[in-house]
Amino acid sequence: MTLPWREHPAAHEELLAAALHLDDQRPGLGDLLLDAVERAILSVRQSPRSWPPQASSTRGTVIRSRAVQPFRLRIVYAESDGSILVLAYAHESRRPGYWSARLASDD
């Protein structure tokens, strides 16, 4: 079964910014990123518990992340109420945990 998903608005904005940045470096690279993210999202929707827990919120929501290969990007998400909430499209080595407040702001 494929779960429905949604993105935190800030996550969507950062994905678009990352794609534009990559396109500035090499035309077409942003589209490759978006294609890789689309494939990764599909795998998360089909099997959200395949990736190990990264953290838990104060409400007990489990946060997981999945790498987007070959890019240094991770999809940070939570499974809640039968759907997936993407909290961030986070660079693997920049600002760890910056997205944590987004779970509370999505209520």
C-alpha atoms as a PDB file:
ATOM      1  CA  MET A   1       0.000   0.000   0.000  1.00  0.00           C
ATOM      2  CA  THR A   2       1.260   3.465  -0.887  1.00  0.00           C
ATOM      3  CA  LEU A   3       0.641   6.058   1.804  1.00  0.00           C
ATOM      4  CA  PRO A   4      -0.421   9.606   0.985  1.00  0.00           C
ATOM      5  CA  TRP A   5       2.190  12.272   1.643  1.00  0.00           C
ATOM      6  CA  ARG A   6       2.533  15.964   2.113  1.00  0.00           C
ATOM      7  CA  GLU A   7       5.391  18.374   2.537  1.00  0.00           C
ATOM      8  CA  HIS A   8       5.955  21.055   5.099  1.00  0.00           C
ATOM      9  CA  PRO A   9       5.908  24.310   3.063  1.00  0.00           C
ATOM     10  CA  ALA A  10       9.480  25.134   4.084  1.00  0.00           C
ATOM     11  CA  ALA A  11      10.627  21.686   2.918  1.00  0.00           C
ATOM     12  CA  HIS A  12       9.130  22.275  -0.513  1.00  0.00           C
ATOM     13  CA  GLU A  13      10.860  25.646  -0.751  1.00  0.00           C
ATOM     14  CA  GLU A  14      14.250  24.190   0.203  1.00  0.00           C
ATOM     15  CA  LEU A  15      13.930  21.416  -2.388  1.00  0.00           C
ATOM     16  CA  LEU A  16      13.204  23.943  -5.118  1.00  0.00           C
ATOM     17  CA  ALA A  17      16.127  26.098  -3.942  1.00  0.00           C
ATOM     18  CA  ALA A  18      18.453  23.084  -4.032  1.00  0.00           C
ATOM     19  CA  ALA A  19      17.328  22.211  -7.564  1.00  0.00           C
ATOM     20  CA  LEU A  20      17.873  25.782  -8.765  1.00  0.00           C
ATOM     21  CA  HIS A  21      21.293  25.886  -7.121  1.00  0.00           C
ATOM     22  CA  LEU A  22      22.328  22.668  -8.862  1.00  0.00           C
ATOM     23  CA  ASP A  23      21.017  23.960 -12.193  1.00  0.00           C
ATOM     24  CA  ASP A  24      23.192  27.042 -11.751  1.00  0.00           C
ATOM     25  CA  GLN A  25      26.187  24.736 -11.332  1.00  0.00           C
ATOM     26  CA  ARG A  26      25.293  22.529 -14.274  1.00  0.00           C
ATOM     27  CA  PRO A  27      22.143  22.876 -16.386  1.00  0.00           C
ATOM     28  CA  GLY A  28      19.911  19.827 -16.006  1.00  0.00           C
ATOM     29  CA  LEU A  29      21.355  18.769 -12.645  1.00  0.00           C
ATOM     30  CA  GLY A  30      18.370  20.220 -10.789  1.00  0.00           C
ATOM     31  CA  ASP A  31      16.017  18.047 -12.839  1.00  0.00           C
ATOM     32  CA  LEU A  32      18.113  14.993 -11.964  1.00  0.00           C
ATOM     33  CA  LEU A  33      17.742  15.896  -8.288  1.00  0.00           C
ATOM     34  CA  LEU A  34      13.969  16.251  -8.592  1.00  0.00           C
ATOM     35  CA  ASP A  35      13.746  12.879 -10.375  1.00  0.00           C
ATOM     36  CA  ALA A  36      15.842  11.217  -7.650  1.00  0.00           C
ATOM     37  CA  VAL A  37      13.663  12.783  -4.936  1.00  0.00           C
ATOM     38  CA  GLU A  38      10.517  11.568  -6.686  1.00  0.00           C
ATOM     39  CA  ARG A  39      11.861   7.997  -6.722  1.00  0.00           C
ATOM     40  CA  ALA A  40      12.917   8.246  -3.079  1.00  0.00           C
ATOM     41  CA  ILE A  41       9.520   9.610  -2.012  1.00  0.00           C
ATOM     42  CA  LEU A  42       7.788   6.718  -3.752  1.00  0.00           C
ATOM     43  CA  SER A  43       9.923   4.212  -1.842  1.00  0.00           C
ATOM     44  CA  VAL A  44       9.172   6.002   1.448  1.00  0.00           C
ATOM     45  CA  ARG A  45       5.455   5.988   0.691  1.00  0.00           C
ATOM     46  CA  GLN A  46       5.531   2.278  -0.093  1.00  0.00           C
ATOM     47  CA  SER A  47       7.595   1.258   2.920  1.00  0.00           C
ATOM     48  CA  PRO A  48       8.024   4.127   5.395  1.00  0.00           C
ATOM     49  CA  ARG A  49       9.530   2.011   8.169  1.00  0.00           C
ATOM     50  CA  SER A  50      12.382   0.717   6.001  1.00  0.00           C
ATOM     51  CA  TRP A  51      14.712   3.433   7.294  1.00  0.00           C
ATOM     52  CA  PRO A  52      15.807   3.466  10.919  1.00  0.00           C
ATOM     53  CA  PRO A  53      14.473   6.035  13.375  1.00  0.00           C
ATOM     54  CA  GLN A  54      16.631   9.145  13.655  1.00  0.00           C
ATOM     55  CA  ALA A  55      14.799  10.855  16.509  1.00  0.00           C
ATOM     56  CA  SER A  56      11.481  11.109  18.314  1.00  0.00           C
ATOM     57  CA  SER A  57       9.477  14.217  18.980  1.00  0.00           C
ATOM     58  CA  THR A  58       8.132  15.103  22.402  1.00  0.00           C
ATOM     59  CA  ARG A  59       4.789  13.740  21.197  1.00  0.00           C
ATOM     60  CA  GLY A  60       6.392  10.371  20.420  1.00  0.00           C
ATOM     61  CA  THR A  61       6.353  10.800  16.642  1.00  0.00           C
ATOM     62  CA  VAL A  62       9.218   8.857  15.098  1.00  0.00           C
ATOM     63  CA  ILE A  63      11.394  10.802  12.663  1.00  0.00           C
ATOM     64  CA  ARG A  64      13.192   8.921   9.909  1.00  0.00           C
ATOM     65  CA  SER A  65      15.340   9.927   6.981  1.00  0.00           C
ATOM     66  CA  ARG A  66      16.147   8.425   3.622  1.00  0.00           C
ATOM     67  CA  ALA A  67      19.128   9.304   1.455  1.00  0.00           C
ATOM     68  CA  VAL A  68      18.585  10.644  -2.057  1.00  0.00           C
ATOM     69  CA  GLN A  69      21.339   9.073  -4.132  1.00  0.00           C
ATOM     70  CA  PRO A  70      23.666  10.214  -5.635  1.00  0.00           C
ATOM     71  CA  PHE A  71      23.035  13.593  -4.008  1.00  0.00           C
ATOM     72  CA  ARG A  72      24.049  14.511  -0.465  1.00  0.00           C
ATOM     73  CA  LEU A  73      20.435  15.097   0.457  1.00  0.00           C
ATOM     74  CA  ARG A  74      18.171  13.314   2.928  1.00  0.00           C
ATOM     75  CA  ILE A  75      14.392  13.260   3.053  1.00  0.00           C
ATOM     76  CA  VAL A  76      13.484  13.782   6.702  1.00  0.00           C
ATOM     77  CA  TYR A  77       9.966  12.554   7.393  1.00  0.00           C
ATOM     78  CA  ALA A  78       7.463  11.358   9.959  1.00  0.00           C
ATOM     79  CA  GLU A  79       4.696   8.818   9.534  1.00  0.00           C
ATOM     80  CA  SER A  80       1.554  10.014  11.245  1.00  0.00           C
ATOM     81  CA  ASP A  81      -2.132   9.184  10.973  1.00  0.00           C
ATOM     82  CA  GLY A  82      -1.586   6.921   7.970  1.00  0.00           C
ATOM     83  CA  SER A  83       0.349   9.466   5.930  1.00  0.00           C
ATOM     84  CA  ILE A  84       3.890  10.726   5.437  1.00  0.00           C
ATOM     85  CA  LEU A  85       4.894  14.257   6.369  1.00  0.00           C
ATOM     86  CA  VAL A  86       8.140  15.428   4.772  1.00  0.00           C
ATOM     87  CA  LEU A  87       9.749  17.814   7.232  1.00  0.00           C
ATOM     88  CA  ALA A  88      12.870  18.647   5.242  1.00  0.00           C
ATOM     89  CA  TYR A  89      15.057  17.964   2.271  1.00  0.00           C
ATOM     90  CA  ALA A  90      18.224  18.337   4.276  1.00  0.00           C
ATOM     91  CA  HIS A  91      21.840  18.378   3.168  1.00  0.00           C
ATOM     92  CA  GLU A  92      23.622  15.517   4.898  1.00  0.00           C
ATOM     93  CA  SER A  93      26.233  17.661   6.605  1.00  0.00           C
ATOM     94  CA  ARG A  94      24.687  21.093   7.100  1.00  0.00           C
ATOM     95  CA  ARG A  95      22.675  22.361  10.068  1.00  0.00           C
ATOM     96  CA  PRO A  96      21.671  19.036  11.677  1.00  0.00           C
ATOM     97  CA  GLY A  97      18.236  19.081  13.267  1.00  0.00           C
ATOM     98  CA  TYR A  98      17.244  22.541  11.990  1.00  0.00           C
ATOM     99  CA  TRP A  99      13.951  21.076  10.823  1.00  0.00           C
ATOM    100  CA  SER A 100      12.834  19.792  14.265  1.00  0.00           C
ATOM    101  CA  ALA A 101      10.542  22.762  14.952  1.00  0.00           C
ATOM    102  CA  ARG A 102       8.613  22.022  11.762  1.00  0.00           C
ATOM    103  CA  LEU A 103       6.862  19.042  13.296  1.00  0.00           C
ATOM    104  CA  ALA A 104       5.253  21.265  15.932  1.00  0.00           C
ATOM    105  CA  SER A 105       4.408  23.994  13.418  1.00  0.00           C
ATOM    106  CA  ASP A 106       2.496  21.556  11.236  1.00  0.00           C
ATOM    107  CA  ASP A 107      -0.219  20.846  13.816  1.00  0.00           C
END
